Amino acid sequence: MEPETTQKVVESTPAESTPAELPVESVPEVAAEINQRKDTPTELPTELPAEPTPVVAAETEQSKTAETSPEAVVDKNQPETPLSKLFGELPKIIVDAEHGEMWGVKLEDATNVPTTIILQKFLRANNDDVAKAKAQLLEALQWRKKVDPLKLLTEVEHNKEKFGNLGYVTVYNATGTQKEIITWNIYGAVKDIKGTFDNVEEFIKWRTALMELSIKELDLASATEKIPDGGPDPYRMIQVHDYLNVSFLRMDPSVRAASKAAIQTFAMAYPELVKEKFFVNVPLAMGWVFAALKLFLSAETIKKFHPLSYGGSLAGEIPECGIQLPEVYGGKGVPLTEGGLVVKYGNAEEPEPESK
């Protein structure tokens, strides 16, 4: 049977269904993001690595070639930047992590644009602090080696009964030459809170696959232009969290645990990939939650958060492609169940019958 469509989830509530009970803080990712800021260690290494000892040109023929190459001449004549310093650390980072792939890109030298973009993102996430960017990049690479996110996207079949209606990725033609990529999290489609969120590891694997699907559409491996210094980053996506029919009255521990784990993991492994987050169909009474965020989050982060009490107003918030959004979000496009990309799904395994 095909999964219940997003259209149906938005337009009607089954008579006997119980609204999903998600926590106030979630606006679930909100509380976890606050907790992430509280839990993030402040005593990270601040000293930059020692300047490398210049190679004596007379030592070997290889060193002579290196010093006379165009890249070497440029590096010697230009002042060091956070980016050049991080590139200098990259070979050791890859060796220490025993992994050299990030978001589908094989990490190479400073002449490689996709690699440059990735390092720029890690630096931006750490305010150009090279030591912190280095530490985060190493941790992210180690995590990718352990989890294998690309396999979660291309090979693993996720539980359709639990997650089949919860996540979509859409790609729209935006004003100008850029395309707009939107990741949709339909929390109102959750039918069984404990069944969906109790197994945190399983939930994180599914959310990771959905994130990798979004990144695949960004196609960083084919990028030919770096992020402009001090300019806007064109290699980012939009996230939409839909809370239609979600109850904010009680906090379920399983949701709290899953939300916290997702935020902590994604903040570490996917920096600077989301440009805006829209929280739609949030009750007006919950407006105070977002007002309170200003006390905990940076102004730059707050700019990315947009609570909307009515889902139909979303199209007006994204004028570059709003008309292409599904009708329930104010556009004239097809429902997510028809136009959205999804991860691989398989049927849940049936328990073996007990022998008599």
Protein backbone atom coordinates (compact mmCIF):
# COMPACT_ATOMS: atom_id res chain seq x y z
CA MET A 1 0.00 0.00 0.00
CA GLU A 2 1.23 3.43 -0.82
CA PRO A 3 2.01 5.69 2.16
CA GLU A 4 -0.58 8.18 3.25
CA THR A 5 -0.04 11.30 1.17
CA THR A 6 1.14 14.58 2.63
CA GLN A 7 -1.93 16.22 1.03
CA LYS A 8 -4.20 14.13 3.21
CA VAL A 9 -2.16 14.76 6.30
CA VAL A 10 -2.44 18.50 5.87
CA GLU A 11 -6.05 18.80 4.80
CA SER A 12 -7.78 16.50 7.24
CA THR A 13 -7.31 14.81 10.58
CA PRO A 14 -8.61 11.23 10.94
CA ALA A 15 -11.51 11.14 13.35
CA GLU A 16 -9.97 8.56 15.65
CA SER A 17 -6.37 9.64 15.38
CA THR A 18 -4.43 11.16 18.24
CA PRO A 19 -2.27 14.18 17.41
CA ALA A 20 1.41 13.54 17.71
CA GLU A 21 2.71 14.80 21.04
CA LEU A 22 5.89 16.72 20.29
CA PRO A 23 7.62 18.92 22.87
CA VAL A 24 7.28 22.65 23.13
CA GLU A 25 10.98 23.08 22.71
CA SER A 26 10.93 21.21 19.50
CA VAL A 27 9.40 23.15 17.76
CA PRO A 28 11.63 20.02 18.38
CA GLU A 29 14.85 21.12 16.83
CA VAL A 30 14.70 24.44 18.67
CA ALA A 31 15.21 23.08 22.18
CA ALA A 32 17.90 20.72 21.02
CA GLU A 33 19.70 23.57 19.31
CA ILE A 34 19.58 25.56 22.55
CA ASN A 35 20.88 22.55 24.45
CA GLN A 36 23.59 22.06 21.82
CA ARG A 37 24.87 25.57 22.48
CA LYS A 38 24.83 24.89 26.22
CA ASP A 39 26.54 21.51 25.83
CA THR A 40 29.19 22.60 23.36
CA PRO A 41 32.57 22.73 25.09
CA THR A 42 34.00 26.21 25.23
CA GLU A 43 37.54 25.11 25.89
CA LEU A 44 38.50 24.07 22.39
CA PRO A 45 42.10 24.43 21.26
CA THR A 46 42.77 28.02 20.32
CA GLU A 47 46.43 27.91 19.38
CA LEU A 48 47.12 27.70 15.70
CA PRO A 49 49.48 24.98 14.51
CA ALA A 50 53.11 25.95 14.29
CA GLU A 51 54.25 27.39 11.01
CA PRO A 52 55.75 24.65 8.85
CA THR A 53 59.50 24.72 8.41
CA PRO A 54 60.32 25.85 4.86
CA VAL A 55 61.71 23.09 2.74
CA VAL A 56 65.30 23.71 1.70
CA ALA A 57 65.36 23.72 -2.06
CA ALA A 58 68.67 21.93 -2.22
CA GLU A 59 67.52 18.90 -0.24
CA THR A 60 65.93 16.93 -3.06
CA GLU A 61 64.87 17.32 -6.65
CA GLN A 62 61.28 16.99 -5.46
CA SER A 63 61.60 20.02 -3.19
CA LYS A 64 63.11 22.02 -6.04
CA THR A 65 60.16 21.16 -8.25
CA ALA A 66 57.69 22.06 -5.51
CA GLU A 67 59.24 25.47 -4.88
CA THR A 68 59.30 26.36 -8.54
CA SER A 69 55.75 25.23 -9.30
CA PRO A 70 53.12 27.96 -9.89
CA GLU A 71 51.18 26.92 -6.79
CA ALA A 72 54.24 27.18 -4.57
CA VAL A 73 55.15 30.62 -5.91
CA VAL A 74 51.62 31.89 -5.27
CA ASP A 75 51.60 30.47 -1.74
CA LYS A 76 54.95 32.13 -0.94
CA ASN A 77 53.98 35.52 -2.30
CA GLN A 78 50.51 35.72 -0.75
CA PRO A 79 49.82 36.23 2.97
CA GLU A 80 48.45 33.26 4.88
CA THR A 81 44.71 33.13 5.39
CA PRO A 82 42.55 30.87 7.55
CA LEU A 83 41.70 28.92 4.40
CA SER A 84 45.33 28.40 3.38
CA LYS A 85 46.20 27.35 6.94
CA LEU A 86 43.37 24.81 7.00
CA PHE A 87 44.47 23.47 3.63
CA GLY A 88 47.94 23.08 5.14
CA GLU A 89 46.44 20.91 7.87
CA LEU A 90 44.19 18.90 5.53
CA PRO A 91 46.60 16.05 4.64
CA LYS A 92 47.19 15.24 8.31
CA ILE A 93 43.47 15.56 9.10
CA ILE A 94 42.68 12.98 6.41
CA VAL A 95 45.38 10.62 7.68
CA ASP A 96 44.22 10.95 11.29
CA ALA A 97 40.57 10.38 10.31
CA GLU A 98 41.45 7.54 7.95
CA HIS A 99 38.79 8.98 5.66
CA GLY A 100 38.99 11.53 2.85
CA GLU A 101 35.41 11.98 1.61
CA MET A 102 32.99 14.70 2.67
CA TRP A 103 29.45 15.09 1.27
CA GLY A 104 30.30 13.02 -1.79
CA VAL A 105 33.47 14.99 -2.52
CA LYS A 106 36.96 13.50 -2.41
CA LEU A 107 39.04 16.03 -0.50
CA GLU A 108 41.98 17.28 -2.55
CA ASP A 109 44.31 20.30 -2.63
CA ALA A 110 43.61 24.04 -2.89
CA THR A 111 43.15 23.88 -6.66
CA ASN A 112 40.01 21.77 -6.18
CA VAL A 113 36.91 23.99 -5.96
CA PRO A 114 34.56 21.50 -4.22
CA THR A 115 37.18 20.87 -1.52
CA THR A 116 37.65 24.62 -1.11
CA ILE A 117 33.90 25.09 -0.62
CA ILE A 118 33.80 22.44 2.09
CA LEU A 119 36.71 23.96 4.00
CA GLN A 120 35.12 27.41 3.66
CA LYS A 121 31.96 26.07 5.30
CA PHE A 122 33.83 24.58 8.25
CA LEU A 123 35.69 27.86 8.70
CA ARG A 124 32.51 29.94 8.50
CA ALA A 125 30.87 27.71 11.09
CA ASN A 126 33.76 28.51 13.44
CA ASN A 127 34.23 32.22 12.68
CA ASP A 128 37.48 31.50 10.81
CA ASP A 129 39.05 29.91 13.88
CA VAL A 130 41.39 27.42 12.21
CA ALA A 131 41.91 25.26 15.29
CA LYS A 132 38.18 24.84 15.87
CA ALA A 133 37.47 24.25 12.18
CA LYS A 134 40.22 21.63 12.09
CA ALA A 135 38.79 19.85 15.14
CA GLN A 136 35.27 19.83 13.71
CA LEU A 137 36.42 18.65 10.29
CA LEU A 138 38.36 15.79 11.87
CA GLU A 139 35.36 14.76 13.96
CA ALA A 140 33.04 14.93 10.94
CA LEU A 141 35.37 12.76 8.84
CA GLN A 142 35.69 10.21 11.63
CA TRP A 143 31.91 10.13 11.94
CA ARG A 144 31.50 9.56 8.20
CA LYS A 145 33.99 6.69 8.29
CA LYS A 146 32.01 5.06 11.09
CA VAL A 147 28.45 5.71 9.84
CA ASP A 148 28.97 5.67 6.04
CA PRO A 149 26.21 8.19 5.16
CA LEU A 150 26.51 7.52 1.42
CA LYS A 151 25.64 3.88 2.03
CA LEU A 152 22.65 4.98 4.13
CA LEU A 153 21.45 6.91 1.08
CA THR A 154 22.24 4.53 -1.76
CA GLU A 155 21.96 1.04 -0.26
CA VAL A 156 20.10 0.92 3.04
CA GLU A 157 16.32 0.47 2.94
CA HIS A 158 14.72 2.42 5.78
CA ASN A 159 11.53 1.51 7.60
CA LYS A 160 8.64 2.71 5.44
CA GLU A 161 6.05 2.16 8.13
CA LYS A 162 7.89 4.47 10.53
CA PHE A 163 9.34 7.10 8.22
CA GLY A 164 7.54 6.80 4.86
CA ASN A 165 5.55 10.04 5.10
CA LEU A 166 7.92 12.06 7.24
CA GLY A 167 10.58 13.39 4.88
CA TYR A 168 10.87 14.72 1.33
CA VAL A 169 13.30 16.71 -0.79
CA THR A 170 12.12 18.99 -3.58
CA VAL A 171 14.10 20.89 -6.19
CA TYR A 172 12.62 24.00 -7.80
CA ASN A 173 13.80 26.37 -10.49
CA ALA A 174 14.42 29.64 -8.67
CA THR A 175 14.72 33.20 -9.92
CA GLY A 176 18.00 33.58 -11.76
CA THR A 177 20.25 30.61 -12.41
CA GLN A 178 20.11 29.00 -8.96
CA LYS A 179 17.87 26.10 -8.04
CA GLU A 180 16.13 26.02 -4.67
CA ILE A 181 16.43 22.81 -2.67
CA ILE A 182 13.97 22.26 0.17
CA THR A 183 14.03 19.49 2.77
CA TRP A 184 10.61 18.82 4.28
CA ASN A 185 10.06 17.30 7.73
CA ILE A 186 6.36 16.48 8.16
CA TYR A 187 6.05 15.88 11.90
CA GLY A 188 2.26 15.85 11.71
CA ALA A 189 2.48 12.60 9.76
CA VAL A 190 3.90 10.76 12.77
CA LYS A 191 1.40 8.05 13.68
CA ASP A 192 3.28 6.29 16.47
CA ILE A 193 5.54 8.47 18.61
CA LYS A 194 7.37 5.66 20.36
CA GLY A 195 7.60 3.54 17.25
CA THR A 196 9.17 6.42 15.32
CA PHE A 197 11.47 7.94 17.91
CA ASP A 198 12.29 5.25 20.50
CA ASN A 199 15.13 3.81 18.43
CA VAL A 200 17.30 6.93 18.25
CA GLU A 201 20.01 5.27 16.16
CA GLU A 202 17.48 4.16 13.54
CA PHE A 203 15.93 7.64 13.43
CA ILE A 204 19.33 9.32 13.01
CA LYS A 205 20.23 6.96 10.16
CA TRP A 206 17.02 7.87 8.34
CA ARG A 207 17.50 11.61 8.93
CA THR A 208 21.11 11.30 7.76
CA ALA A 209 19.97 9.63 4.54
CA LEU A 210 17.46 12.45 3.98
CA MET A 211 20.20 15.05 4.54
CA GLU A 212 22.53 13.26 2.13
CA LEU A 213 19.74 13.25 -0.46
CA SER A 214 19.50 17.04 -0.15
CA ILE A 215 23.27 17.42 -0.46
CA LYS A 216 23.26 15.19 -3.52
CA GLU A 217 20.96 17.72 -5.18
CA LEU A 218 23.38 20.53 -4.26
CA ASP A 219 25.93 18.65 -6.41
CA LEU A 220 28.96 20.16 -4.72
CA ALA A 221 31.26 17.80 -6.62
CA SER A 222 30.46 19.70 -9.84
CA ALA A 223 30.85 23.21 -8.39
CA THR A 224 33.16 25.51 -10.35
CA GLU A 225 33.04 28.65 -8.21
CA LYS A 226 34.19 29.11 -4.62
CA ILE A 227 32.09 30.86 -1.98
CA PRO A 228 32.81 34.59 -2.37
CA ASP A 229 34.99 35.98 0.41
CA GLY A 230 32.62 37.80 2.75
CA GLY A 231 29.73 37.15 0.37
CA PRO A 232 26.62 34.94 0.50
CA ASP A 233 27.03 31.18 0.30
CA PRO A 234 25.11 29.86 -2.74
CA TYR A 235 25.56 26.23 -1.71
CA ARG A 236 22.83 25.94 0.91
CA MET A 237 19.28 24.66 1.21
CA ILE A 238 16.00 25.47 2.96
CA GLN A 239 14.40 23.29 5.63
CA VAL A 240 10.68 23.21 6.39
CA HIS A 241 9.28 21.68 9.58
CA ASP A 242 5.50 21.16 9.41
CA TYR A 243 3.68 20.78 12.74
CA LEU A 244 0.09 20.47 11.52
CA ASN A 245 -1.94 18.34 13.97
CA VAL A 246 0.98 18.18 16.39
CA SER A 247 0.28 18.55 20.11
CA PHE A 248 2.70 20.74 22.05
CA LEU A 249 1.13 19.99 25.42
CA ARG A 250 3.48 17.31 26.71
CA MET A 251 7.09 16.38 26.12
CA ASP A 252 7.72 12.78 25.15
CA PRO A 253 11.18 11.65 26.31
CA SER A 254 11.76 9.67 23.11
CA VAL A 255 11.19 12.75 20.96
CA ARG A 256 13.44 14.84 23.18
CA ALA A 257 16.24 12.28 22.88
CA ALA A 258 15.88 11.92 19.11
CA SER A 259 15.73 15.68 18.56
CA LYS A 260 18.79 16.32 20.70
CA ALA A 261 20.78 13.59 18.97
CA ALA A 262 19.82 14.88 15.52
CA ILE A 263 20.82 18.46 16.29
CA GLN A 264 24.12 17.48 17.88
CA THR A 265 25.03 15.20 15.00
CA PHE A 266 24.01 17.58 12.23
CA ALA A 267 25.63 20.63 13.83
CA MET A 268 28.90 18.73 13.82
CA ALA A 269 28.66 16.88 10.50
CA TYR A 270 26.76 19.33 8.25
CA PRO A 271 27.84 22.93 9.01
CA GLU A 272 26.63 25.86 6.91
CA LEU A 273 24.33 23.81 4.67
CA VAL A 274 21.00 25.32 5.78
CA LYS A 275 20.28 28.96 4.97
CA GLU A 276 16.73 29.17 6.38
CA LYS A 277 14.38 27.11 8.56
CA PHE A 278 10.63 27.56 8.32
CA PHE A 279 8.43 26.22 11.14
CA VAL A 280 4.93 26.09 9.67
CA ASN A 281 1.52 25.43 11.22
CA VAL A 282 2.90 26.44 14.62
CA PRO A 283 0.08 27.58 16.97
CA LEU A 284 -0.02 31.31 17.63
CA ALA A 285 0.26 30.57 21.34
CA MET A 286 3.73 29.18 20.70
CA GLY A 287 5.08 32.51 19.49
CA TRP A 288 6.71 33.09 22.87
CA VAL A 289 9.05 30.14 22.24
CA PHE A 290 10.66 31.90 19.30
CA ALA A 291 10.78 35.18 21.17
CA ALA A 292 12.67 33.40 23.95
CA LEU A 293 15.19 32.09 21.45
CA LYS A 294 16.73 35.53 21.22
CA LEU A 295 18.03 35.03 24.75
CA PHE A 296 19.92 31.87 23.82
CA LEU A 297 20.91 31.95 20.16
CA SER A 298 23.05 34.31 18.13
CA ALA A 299 21.42 36.96 15.97
CA GLU A 300 22.86 35.24 12.90
CA THR A 301 21.16 31.98 13.85
CA ILE A 302 17.87 33.66 14.71
CA LYS A 303 17.76 35.17 11.22
CA LYS A 304 17.40 31.65 9.83
CA PHE A 305 14.30 30.82 11.93
CA HIS A 306 10.87 31.72 10.56
CA PRO A 307 7.79 30.55 12.52
CA LEU A 308 4.54 30.60 10.53
CA SER A 309 1.15 29.85 12.06
CA TYR A 310 -0.44 29.04 8.71
CA GLY A 311 1.15 26.67 6.20
CA GLY A 312 -0.44 28.42 3.25
CA SER A 313 1.68 31.51 3.83
CA LEU A 314 4.95 29.67 3.14
CA ALA A 315 4.95 30.39 -0.59
CA GLY A 316 5.01 34.12 0.08
CA GLU A 317 8.11 33.70 2.23
CA ILE A 318 10.04 32.07 -0.62
CA PRO A 319 9.20 34.30 -3.59
CA GLU A 320 12.00 32.84 -5.72
CA CYS A 321 10.04 29.60 -6.16
CA GLY A 322 6.88 29.99 -4.06
CA ILE A 323 4.46 29.37 -6.90
CA GLN A 324 5.98 25.91 -7.42
CA LEU A 325 5.28 24.80 -3.84
CA PRO A 326 2.38 22.41 -3.13
CA GLU A 327 -1.03 24.04 -2.85
CA VAL A 328 -1.25 23.39 0.89
CA TYR A 329 1.77 25.68 1.27
CA GLY A 330 0.34 28.47 -0.89
CA GLY A 331 1.77 27.47 -4.27
CA LYS A 332 0.34 25.84 -7.36
CA GLY A 333 2.59 22.82 -7.51
CA VAL A 334 1.95 19.13 -6.99
CA PRO A 335 1.80 17.52 -3.52
CA LEU A 336 5.02 16.35 -1.92
CA THR A 337 3.92 12.75 -2.36
CA GLU A 338 3.96 13.29 -6.12
CA GLY A 339 6.88 15.66 -6.63
CA GLY A 340 9.12 14.97 -3.65
CA LEU A 341 12.26 12.85 -3.64
CA VAL A 342 12.55 10.24 -0.90
CA VAL A 343 15.18 7.89 0.51
CA LYS A 344 15.09 4.15 -0.08
CA TYR A 345 12.36 2.35 1.83
CA GLY A 346 11.66 -1.29 2.53
CA ASN A 347 8.89 -3.08 4.34
CA ALA A 348 9.31 -3.66 8.04
CA GLU A 349 10.50 -7.14 8.86
CA GLU A 350 7.72 -9.38 10.11
CA PRO A 351 8.46 -11.19 13.39
CA GLU A 352 8.96 -14.92 13.02
CA PRO A 353 6.01 -16.98 14.28
CA GLU A 354 6.56 -18.77 17.55
CA SER A 355 7.01 -22.50 17.24
CA LYS A 356 4.39 -24.58 18.98
